Amino acid sequence: MNTSIIEEDKDEAEEIKRGRLPISRLVPNAVTLMALCFGLTSIKLALVGKWELAVACILISCFLDGIDGRLARLLNATSPFGAQLDSLSDFVNFGICPALITYLWTIKIIPTGNVTWAAVLFYAICCAIRLARFNVSLDTEDEMSAKLNKMFFIGVPSPTGSLLALLPLMIQFEIGGTFDPKINLCVLVIVGFLMASRVPTFSGKKIAINPKMVWLVMLSAGFILGMLIMEPWITISVFLCLYLVTIPFSIKYYYKIKNSHIHE
């Protein structure tokens, strides 16, 4: 190990012993709280009818949620407190906020929203179940489960679920007009079920790129970034639809790997 890294760790340990917390330890939790702020702000924006900004806040929350854990590992700042804070933030950002945005959008079209509220509750409960099961699985996984968990999620991840729940709104931003409110209800229920289910979905953690194909990946990334800037809603909608298409393949591949391990 690099000597400078060892010395840095010793200095950090000394600071903690003196009752001082290195600022680097606070960065991941600060990012998590930023994600929470964006999530809650999405509700405020939805209440005043700024729907596109509300959905954009959820997108930012998804991005921040994707980097806070990586920052924690990079800065050697992982902690039980951070893990619990992240889970609670995820429930608010991806379990409550998207459902409330959909609810407010729907009752704008139909005054009575009792059935819509039932769908909101179902979605939020499913998200809570998904997050609780994920937290428990971290402490109980065996060697095979650890291997599969690097390649698959069990159930649709809550950030992806939040975007899928908002998919009808994003499509409507692009094409205009008014959706049948029943579509919003059906999407909430279906996405909630997918989050709480044990359906395996690709995680993308183990994707490796052939060095010879780096140029193509960079070119594709540039094209996608350009599309996100020029046509954000249709681009995100297309990727979400492609994600749904991959689910049957992820199920097949998951059980193929699992069965091959059993027969070894």
Foldseek 3Di string as FASTA:
>chain_A
DDPVVVVVVVVQVVCVVVVHHPVLLCVLVVLLVQLLVLLVVLLVCLVVPVNVSSVVSLVSSLVSLVCSVVSCVVSVNDDPVSLVSNLVSLLSRQLQRLLSSLQSVLCVVPVDCPLSVVLSVLLSVLLNLLSVVVVVCVVDPDPVRVVLVLFWRFFDHRSLLSVQLCLVVLVCVVVPDDDDSVVSSVSSNVSSCRSNGRQIATDPNPDDDDPVCVVVVVVVVVVLVVCCVVPVSVSVSVVSVVRVVCRVVRNVVSVVVVVVVVVD
